[in-house]
Amino acid sequence: MPLMAGLMARFADQRPFDHLVIAACLHVTAETAMLVRLLRAGGASVGLAASNPLSTQDDIAAALAVRYGIATFARAGVDRRGYYRHIEAALAAGPAGPDLVIDDGGDLVNTLHTQQRRCCPASEADASRPPRA
C-alpha cells in the first residue's frame, strides 16, 4: 500500500478537492473506503450511499462514519425504500447539492435528474423546453 499512503499524504498536503461536495453511490467495501478516504483527505466533503445492499459491508460503513467522519448511508440488506432514502441523503450532503457525483450503477444520477432537479439547473431548463419533433 505504499502508493495509497503516498497519495493520502499528497492529497492531505495539496487538498485538490478543497471545498468540493462529492456524492457517491458505490459498493461499500474496503476498496471504496480507501477511495472515499482519499477524497476526504483531499479536502472534499463526501456523502456515500451503497450501490448494492447485498454487497454492503456494515463494518466498513460504520468505520467510515465513526472513525473518519464521512457521511455514510449504507446498510446491508436494506429494502428498496431505504436504498433510495440513502441515495437522497448522499445527494443532500451539501447545501446546494454535489459538485461531483460518482455512481457505479446509475441510480444516483437518475435520482439527481428526476428527483433532485435543484442540483441540475441545466436539467430544469431542458425539462421546460418542448420536445424535439
C-alpha atoms as a PDB file:
ATOM      1  CA  MET A   1       0.000   0.000   0.000  1.00  0.00           C
ATOM      2  CA  PRO A   2       2.891   2.450  -0.441  1.00  0.00           C
ATOM      3  CA  LEU A   3       1.109   4.040  -3.412  1.00  0.00           C
ATOM      4  CA  MET A   4      -2.051   4.709  -1.388  1.00  0.00           C
ATOM      5  CA  ALA A   5      -0.050   6.068   1.536  1.00  0.00           C
ATOM      6  CA  GLY A   6       1.792   8.383  -0.837  1.00  0.00           C
ATOM      7  CA  LEU A   7      -1.444   9.593  -2.412  1.00  0.00           C
ATOM      8  CA  MET A   8      -3.012  10.125   1.017  1.00  0.00           C
ATOM      9  CA  ALA A   9      -0.068  12.291   2.106  1.00  0.00           C
ATOM     10  CA  ARG A  10      -0.040  14.224  -1.181  1.00  0.00           C
ATOM     11  CA  PHE A  11      -3.801  14.833  -1.123  1.00  0.00           C
ATOM     12  CA  ALA A  12      -3.660  15.950   2.517  1.00  0.00           C
ATOM     13  CA  ASP A  13      -0.895  18.412   1.629  1.00  0.00           C
ATOM     14  CA  GLN A  14      -2.247  19.757  -1.679  1.00  0.00           C
ATOM     15  CA  ARG A  15      -6.006  19.404  -0.996  1.00  0.00           C
ATOM     16  CA  PRO A  16      -7.028  19.198  -4.670  1.00  0.00           C
ATOM     17  CA  PHE A  17     -10.709  18.740  -3.774  1.00  0.00           C
ATOM     18  CA  ASP A  18     -10.910  21.519  -1.204  1.00  0.00           C
ATOM     19  CA  HIS A  19     -14.475  22.799  -0.775  1.00  0.00           C
ATOM     20  CA  LEU A  20     -15.968  20.297  -3.237  1.00  0.00           C
ATOM     21  CA  VAL A  21     -19.052  18.309  -2.305  1.00  0.00           C
ATOM     22  CA  ILE A  22     -19.000  14.799  -3.729  1.00  0.00           C
ATOM     23  CA  ALA A  23     -21.975  12.430  -3.711  1.00  0.00           C
ATOM     24  CA  ALA A  24     -21.086   8.808  -4.355  1.00  0.00           C
ATOM     25  CA  CYS A  25     -23.107   5.637  -4.794  1.00  0.00           C
ATOM     26  CA  LEU A  26     -20.686   2.716  -4.722  1.00  0.00           C
ATOM     27  CA  HIS A  27     -20.274  -0.751  -3.278  1.00  0.00           C
ATOM     28  CA  VAL A  28     -19.319  -0.132   0.347  1.00  0.00           C
ATOM     29  CA  THR A  29     -16.217  -2.280   0.657  1.00  0.00           C
ATOM     30  CA  ALA A  30     -12.658  -1.778   1.877  1.00  0.00           C
ATOM     31  CA  GLU A  31     -11.589  -0.634  -1.605  1.00  0.00           C
ATOM     32  CA  THR A  32     -14.309   2.010  -1.732  1.00  0.00           C
ATOM     33  CA  ALA A  33     -13.409   3.089   1.787  1.00  0.00           C
ATOM     34  CA  MET A  34      -9.880   3.845   0.637  1.00  0.00           C
ATOM     35  CA  LEU A  35     -11.135   5.892  -2.315  1.00  0.00           C
ATOM     36  CA  VAL A  36     -13.522   7.888  -0.128  1.00  0.00           C
ATOM     37  CA  ARG A  37     -10.804   8.471   2.467  1.00  0.00           C
ATOM     38  CA  LEU A  38      -8.517   9.794  -0.295  1.00  0.00           C
ATOM     39  CA  LEU A  39     -11.204  12.204  -1.488  1.00  0.00           C
ATOM     40  CA  ARG A  40     -11.751  13.368   2.092  1.00  0.00           C
ATOM     41  CA  ALA A  41      -8.010  13.803   2.658  1.00  0.00           C
ATOM     42  CA  GLY A  42      -8.006  15.935  -0.479  1.00  0.00           C
ATOM     43  CA  GLY A  43     -10.482  18.324   1.110  1.00  0.00           C
ATOM     44  CA  ALA A  44     -13.801  17.052  -0.259  1.00  0.00           C
ATOM     45  CA  SER A  45     -16.989  16.687   1.707  1.00  0.00           C
ATOM     46  CA  VAL A  46     -18.297  13.244   0.756  1.00  0.00           C
ATOM     47  CA  GLY A  47     -21.733  11.674   1.035  1.00  0.00           C
ATOM     48  CA  LEU A  48     -21.622   7.927   0.334  1.00  0.00           C
ATOM     49  CA  ALA A  49     -24.601   5.671  -0.354  1.00  0.00           C
ATOM     50  CA  ALA A  50     -24.333   1.959  -1.013  1.00  0.00           C
ATOM     51  CA  SER A  51     -24.985   0.943  -4.615  1.00  0.00           C
ATOM     52  CA  ASN A  52     -25.847  -2.612  -3.659  1.00  0.00           C
ATOM     53  CA  PRO A  53     -27.310  -3.566  -0.276  1.00  0.00           C
ATOM     54  CA  LEU A  54     -26.228  -7.168  -0.865  1.00  0.00           C
ATOM     55  CA  SER A  55     -22.534  -6.270  -1.066  1.00  0.00           C
ATOM     56  CA  THR A  56     -22.539  -3.626   1.673  1.00  0.00           C
ATOM     57  CA  GLN A  57     -20.108  -4.342   4.476  1.00  0.00           C
ATOM     58  CA  ASP A  58     -21.645  -2.863   7.623  1.00  0.00           C
ATOM     59  CA  ASP A  59     -18.310  -2.750   9.466  1.00  0.00           C
ATOM     60  CA  ILE A  60     -16.780  -0.668   6.668  1.00  0.00           C
ATOM     61  CA  ALA A  61     -19.791   1.682   6.580  1.00  0.00           C
ATOM     62  CA  ALA A  62     -19.570   2.134  10.360  1.00  0.00           C
ATOM     63  CA  ALA A  63     -15.829   2.806  10.272  1.00  0.00           C
ATOM     64  CA  LEU A  64     -16.226   5.438   7.551  1.00  0.00           C
ATOM     65  CA  ALA A  65     -18.901   7.218   9.575  1.00  0.00           C
ATOM     66  CA  VAL A  66     -17.464   6.904  13.074  1.00  0.00           C
ATOM     67  CA  ARG A  67     -13.718   6.755  12.597  1.00  0.00           C
ATOM     68  CA  TYR A  68     -13.351   9.029   9.571  1.00  0.00           C
ATOM     69  CA  GLY A  69     -16.394  11.311   9.866  1.00  0.00           C
ATOM     70  CA  ILE A  70     -17.655  10.549   6.358  1.00  0.00           C
ATOM     71  CA  ALA A  71     -21.404  10.850   5.786  1.00  0.00           C
ATOM     72  CA  THR A  72     -22.181   7.212   5.010  1.00  0.00           C
ATOM     73  CA  PHE A  73     -25.664   5.973   4.207  1.00  0.00           C
ATOM     74  CA  ALA A  74     -25.418   2.221   3.841  1.00  0.00           C
ATOM     75  CA  ARG A  75     -26.716  -0.912   5.499  1.00  0.00           C
ATOM     76  CA  ALA A  76     -26.556  -4.494   4.340  1.00  0.00           C
ATOM     77  CA  GLY A  77     -29.929  -5.872   3.295  1.00  0.00           C
ATOM     78  CA  VAL A  78     -31.752  -2.519   3.277  1.00  0.00           C
ATOM     79  CA  ASP A  79     -35.061  -2.579   1.387  1.00  0.00           C
ATOM     80  CA  ARG A  80     -35.775  -0.626  -1.805  1.00  0.00           C
ATOM     81  CA  ARG A  81     -37.323   2.328   0.017  1.00  0.00           C
ATOM     82  CA  GLY A  82     -34.360   2.605   2.382  1.00  0.00           C
ATOM     83  CA  TYR A  83     -31.959   2.253  -0.529  1.00  0.00           C
ATOM     84  CA  TYR A  84     -33.402   5.313  -2.262  1.00  0.00           C
ATOM     85  CA  ARG A  85     -33.545   7.263   1.015  1.00  0.00           C
ATOM     86  CA  HIS A  86     -29.807   6.602   1.352  1.00  0.00           C
ATOM     87  CA  ILE A  87     -29.195   7.921  -2.159  1.00  0.00           C
ATOM     88  CA  GLU A  88     -31.230  11.049  -1.418  1.00  0.00           C
ATOM     89  CA  ALA A  89     -29.254  11.557   1.802  1.00  0.00           C
ATOM     90  CA  ALA A  90     -25.941  11.287  -0.070  1.00  0.00           C
ATOM     91  CA  LEU A  91     -27.170  13.885  -2.566  1.00  0.00           C
ATOM     92  CA  ALA A  92     -28.132  16.203   0.289  1.00  0.00           C
ATOM     93  CA  ALA A  93     -24.608  16.181   1.723  1.00  0.00           C
ATOM     94  CA  GLY A  94     -24.024  19.780   0.578  1.00  0.00           C
ATOM     95  CA  PRO A  95     -26.312  22.807   0.863  1.00  0.00           C
ATOM     96  CA  ALA A  96     -26.636  23.254  -2.903  1.00  0.00           C
ATOM     97  CA  GLY A  97     -26.155  19.651  -3.957  1.00  0.00           C
ATOM     98  CA  PRO A  98     -22.990  17.942  -5.105  1.00  0.00           C
ATOM     99  CA  ASP A  99     -20.274  19.436  -7.263  1.00  0.00           C
ATOM    100  CA  LEU A 100     -19.294  15.970  -8.444  1.00  0.00           C
ATOM    101  CA  VAL A 101     -21.012  12.592  -8.490  1.00  0.00           C
ATOM    102  CA  ILE A 102     -19.509   9.114  -8.607  1.00  0.00           C
ATOM    103  CA  ASP A 103     -22.035   6.423  -9.434  1.00  0.00           C
ATOM    104  CA  ASP A 104     -21.344   2.859 -10.454  1.00  0.00           C
ATOM    105  CA  GLY A 105     -24.927   1.829 -11.178  1.00  0.00           C
ATOM    106  CA  GLY A 106     -26.809   4.896 -12.368  1.00  0.00           C
ATOM    107  CA  ASP A 107     -29.356   5.159  -9.543  1.00  0.00           C
ATOM    108  CA  LEU A 108     -27.735   8.249  -8.012  1.00  0.00           C
ATOM    109  CA  VAL A 109     -27.543  10.028 -11.373  1.00  0.00           C
ATOM    110  CA  ASN A 110     -31.130   9.040 -12.166  1.00  0.00           C
ATOM    111  CA  THR A 111     -32.308  10.376  -8.788  1.00  0.00           C
ATOM    112  CA  LEU A 112     -30.306  13.545  -9.325  1.00  0.00           C
ATOM    113  CA  HIS A 113     -32.030  14.237 -12.649  1.00  0.00           C
ATOM    114  CA  THR A 114     -35.540  13.133 -11.719  1.00  0.00           C
ATOM    115  CA  GLN A 115     -35.979  13.970  -8.026  1.00  0.00           C
ATOM    116  CA  GLN A 116     -33.249  16.478  -7.133  1.00  0.00           C
ATOM    117  CA  ARG A 117     -33.526  18.810 -10.085  1.00  0.00           C
ATOM    118  CA  ARG A 118     -32.496  21.805  -7.988  1.00  0.00           C
ATOM    119  CA  CYS A 119     -28.984  20.369  -8.216  1.00  0.00           C
ATOM    120  CA  CYS A 120     -29.072  20.332 -12.042  1.00  0.00           C
ATOM    121  CA  PRO A 121     -30.141  23.713 -13.402  1.00  0.00           C
ATOM    122  CA  ALA A 122     -29.449  22.525 -16.961  1.00  0.00           C
ATOM    123  CA  SER A 123     -31.884  19.639 -16.459  1.00  0.00           C
ATOM    124  CA  GLU A 124     -34.608  22.035 -15.355  1.00  0.00           C
ATOM    125  CA  ALA A 125     -34.032  24.189 -18.426  1.00  0.00           C
ATOM    126  CA  ASP A 126     -34.181  21.109 -20.646  1.00  0.00           C
ATOM    127  CA  ALA A 127     -37.419  19.943 -18.984  1.00  0.00           C
ATOM    128  CA  SER A 128     -39.142  23.250 -19.756  1.00  0.00           C
ATOM    129  CA  ARG A 129     -38.370  23.035 -23.469  1.00  0.00           C
ATOM    130  CA  PRO A 130     -40.905  21.468 -25.800  1.00  0.00           C
ATOM    131  CA  PRO A 131     -39.860  18.049 -27.116  1.00  0.00           C
ATOM    132  CA  ARG A 132     -37.991  17.986 -30.402  1.00  0.00           C
ATOM    133  CA  ALA A 133     -40.005  16.974 -33.435  1.00  0.00           C
END
